[in-house]
Amino acid sequence: MEEAENVSANSPHDGIRNPAGPDSRATGPADAGSAETAPAATDTRNTGPGRLLIAVYAIFAISATARAGYQILTKFSEAPLAYLLSAFAAAVYVVATVSLAKPGRTAFKVSVAAVLVELVGVLVVGALSVFDSVNFPHETVWSLFGRGYGFIPLLLPILGLIWLYRRRPAPR
């Protein structure tokens, strides 16, 4: 019976007895005591390369907002659909920027939604601007898949989704 207790208290991964018992988070000598001293897992979306991603989104938020504002105020009658889509793109970039910078599960979900909307927008508007150029006489941020911005609007949501996947919150 004593051997059965020893087996249940051992870590299933390394065969080393866990002095804290089978329900402890520590799994071996390297982790002994770390359950009490380790800080809680933090949201790391806005650290390292995430800061660069947020900075690029912020630049796009500012530039798309300025461009859409100028287009709507000065040339709206020339291409209303294109300019409204520019304003929509600007709003998506603002939401993505803010949600990527904020910690938490809700901000993560908003980030994923915003980046997915951005990806769909770039693909749909890009395709429409190629095949239905009558409705897009002037370029938007997403026209021709972001050609006017060096195709960064096409690459940015893909990189954003990869980053979000790698930095997704742990399941509860």
Protein backbone atom coordinates (compact mmCIF):
# COMPACT_ATOMS: atom_id res chain seq x y z
CA MET A 1 0.00 0.00 0.00
CA GLU A 2 2.84 2.36 0.79
CA GLU A 3 4.28 1.81 -2.69
CA ALA A 4 0.96 2.80 -4.25
CA GLU A 5 1.09 6.10 -2.36
CA ASN A 6 4.65 6.70 -3.54
CA VAL A 7 3.69 6.05 -7.15
CA SER A 8 0.76 8.46 -6.99
CA ALA A 9 2.95 11.20 -5.50
CA ASN A 10 5.58 10.81 -8.22
CA SER A 11 5.56 13.08 -11.21
CA PRO A 12 4.29 11.21 -14.25
CA HIS A 13 6.95 12.89 -16.40
CA ASP A 14 10.23 12.34 -14.64
CA GLY A 15 9.70 9.68 -11.98
CA ILE A 16 10.90 12.03 -9.20
CA ARG A 17 8.85 12.13 -6.05
CA ASN A 18 7.00 15.39 -5.60
CA PRO A 19 7.24 16.36 -1.92
CA ALA A 20 4.25 18.66 -2.20
CA GLY A 21 1.95 15.80 -3.17
CA PRO A 22 0.17 14.72 -6.33
CA ASP A 23 -2.09 17.79 -6.54
CA SER A 24 0.77 20.27 -6.45
CA ARG A 25 1.71 22.28 -9.55
CA ALA A 26 5.41 21.58 -9.01
CA THR A 27 6.61 18.66 -11.13
CA GLY A 28 10.18 18.08 -10.09
CA PRO A 29 13.32 19.48 -8.52
CA ALA A 30 13.53 22.43 -10.91
CA ASP A 31 9.96 23.39 -10.07
CA ALA A 32 10.15 22.76 -6.33
CA GLY A 33 8.92 25.90 -4.62
CA SER A 34 8.27 27.69 -7.91
CA ALA A 35 4.50 27.40 -7.51
CA GLU A 36 4.68 29.88 -4.64
CA THR A 37 7.37 32.20 -6.06
CA ALA A 38 6.45 32.32 -9.76
CA PRO A 39 4.29 35.26 -10.73
CA ALA A 40 0.96 34.60 -12.36
CA ALA A 41 1.09 34.21 -16.11
CA THR A 42 0.85 37.62 -17.70
CA ASP A 43 -0.51 38.74 -21.01
CA THR A 44 2.46 39.02 -23.35
CA ARG A 45 0.84 40.22 -26.57
CA ASN A 46 2.28 43.71 -26.16
CA THR A 47 5.90 42.73 -25.51
CA GLY A 48 8.78 41.95 -27.84
CA PRO A 49 7.69 41.68 -31.48
CA GLY A 50 4.15 42.44 -30.34
CA ARG A 51 5.21 46.04 -29.73
CA LEU A 52 6.37 46.33 -33.33
CA LEU A 53 3.08 44.85 -34.53
CA ILE A 54 1.12 47.32 -32.40
CA ALA A 55 3.28 50.19 -33.70
CA VAL A 56 2.60 49.21 -37.32
CA TYR A 57 -1.13 48.96 -36.57
CA ALA A 58 -0.99 52.39 -34.92
CA ILE A 59 0.73 53.88 -37.97
CA PHE A 60 -1.94 52.37 -40.21
CA ALA A 61 -4.69 53.60 -37.88
CA ILE A 62 -3.37 57.15 -38.05
CA SER A 63 -2.64 57.14 -41.78
CA ALA A 64 -5.90 55.44 -42.78
CA THR A 65 -7.90 57.81 -40.56
CA ALA A 66 -6.17 60.86 -42.03
CA ARG A 67 -6.57 59.60 -45.58
CA ALA A 68 -10.25 58.68 -45.15
CA GLY A 69 -11.00 61.99 -43.43
CA TYR A 70 -9.37 63.96 -46.22
CA GLN A 71 -11.08 61.91 -48.95
CA ILE A 72 -14.52 62.18 -47.37
CA LEU A 73 -14.20 65.92 -46.71
CA THR A 74 -12.81 66.88 -50.12
CA LYS A 75 -13.75 64.27 -52.74
CA PHE A 76 -16.61 62.18 -51.37
CA SER A 77 -18.84 62.60 -54.43
CA GLU A 78 -16.14 61.16 -56.73
CA ALA A 79 -15.99 57.70 -55.09
CA PRO A 80 -18.28 57.38 -52.06
CA LEU A 81 -17.97 53.58 -51.74
CA ALA A 82 -14.19 53.66 -51.85
CA TYR A 83 -13.96 56.46 -49.31
CA LEU A 84 -16.43 54.87 -46.91
CA LEU A 85 -14.42 51.66 -47.11
CA SER A 86 -11.31 53.69 -46.30
CA ALA A 87 -13.07 55.01 -43.21
CA PHE A 88 -14.12 51.48 -42.27
CA ALA A 89 -10.52 50.28 -42.69
CA ALA A 90 -9.37 53.12 -40.45
CA ALA A 91 -11.86 52.09 -37.75
CA VAL A 92 -10.69 48.47 -37.99
CA TYR A 93 -7.05 49.56 -37.58
CA VAL A 94 -7.93 51.69 -34.54
CA VAL A 95 -9.82 48.80 -32.88
CA ALA A 96 -7.00 46.37 -33.68
CA THR A 97 -4.36 48.74 -32.30
CA VAL A 98 -6.17 49.35 -29.02
CA SER A 99 -7.18 45.72 -28.47
CA LEU A 100 -3.69 44.40 -29.24
CA ALA A 101 -2.21 46.81 -26.70
CA LYS A 102 -4.66 45.91 -23.91
CA PRO A 103 -4.28 42.78 -21.76
CA GLY A 104 -7.01 40.28 -21.06
CA ARG A 105 -9.24 37.71 -22.68
CA THR A 106 -11.81 40.18 -23.94
CA ALA A 107 -9.13 42.29 -25.62
CA PHE A 108 -7.71 39.11 -27.14
CA LYS A 109 -11.09 38.18 -28.62
CA VAL A 110 -11.59 41.71 -29.95
CA SER A 111 -8.09 41.57 -31.47
CA VAL A 112 -8.82 38.30 -33.25
CA ALA A 113 -12.13 39.65 -34.56
CA ALA A 114 -10.57 42.92 -35.75
CA VAL A 115 -7.66 41.20 -37.48
CA LEU A 116 -10.00 38.69 -39.14
CA VAL A 117 -12.24 41.53 -40.35
CA GLU A 118 -9.14 43.24 -41.68
CA LEU A 119 -8.04 40.11 -43.56
CA VAL A 120 -11.48 39.59 -45.08
CA GLY A 121 -11.67 43.28 -45.94
CA VAL A 122 -8.30 43.29 -47.69
CA LEU A 123 -9.21 40.18 -49.68
CA VAL A 124 -12.73 41.32 -50.64
CA VAL A 125 -11.88 44.95 -51.38
CA GLY A 126 -8.70 43.88 -53.14
CA ALA A 127 -10.61 41.48 -55.38
CA LEU A 128 -13.41 43.98 -56.03
CA SER A 129 -10.94 46.70 -56.93
CA VAL A 130 -9.37 44.38 -59.50
CA PHE A 131 -12.60 43.01 -61.01
CA ASP A 132 -14.99 45.97 -60.49
CA SER A 133 -12.84 49.03 -60.98
CA VAL A 134 -15.92 51.16 -61.84
CA ASN A 135 -16.91 51.25 -58.16
CA PHE A 136 -13.31 51.93 -57.13
CA PRO A 137 -12.17 54.83 -59.31
CA HIS A 138 -9.87 55.96 -56.49
CA GLU A 139 -7.73 53.79 -54.27
CA THR A 140 -8.47 52.88 -50.67
CA VAL A 141 -6.11 51.43 -48.08
CA TRP A 142 -7.20 47.93 -49.10
CA SER A 143 -7.49 48.50 -52.89
CA LEU A 144 -5.47 46.11 -55.02
CA PHE A 145 -4.63 44.21 -51.83
CA GLY A 146 -2.85 47.21 -50.35
CA ARG A 147 -0.58 47.91 -53.31
CA GLY A 148 -0.40 51.61 -52.45
CA TYR A 149 1.03 50.67 -49.05
CA GLY A 150 3.53 48.09 -50.28
CA PHE A 151 1.08 45.19 -49.72
CA ILE A 152 1.55 45.61 -45.97
CA PRO A 153 -2.26 45.62 -45.49
CA LEU A 154 -2.29 42.10 -46.95
CA LEU A 155 0.60 40.81 -44.83
CA LEU A 156 -0.30 42.59 -41.58
CA PRO A 157 -3.41 40.56 -40.68
CA ILE A 158 -1.60 37.31 -41.46
CA LEU A 159 1.26 38.28 -39.17
CA GLY A 160 -1.27 39.52 -36.61
CA LEU A 161 -3.15 36.22 -36.58
CA ILE A 162 0.09 34.27 -36.22
CA TRP A 163 1.12 36.50 -33.31
CA LEU A 164 -2.27 36.18 -31.66
CA TYR A 165 -2.21 32.40 -32.07
CA ARG A 166 1.22 32.20 -30.44
CA ARG A 167 0.18 34.50 -27.60
CA ARG A 168 -3.34 33.16 -27.02
CA PRO A 169 -4.47 32.96 -23.41
CA ALA A 170 -4.24 29.62 -21.66
CA PRO A 171 -7.54 27.78 -21.33
CA ARG A 172 -9.25 28.27 -18.00
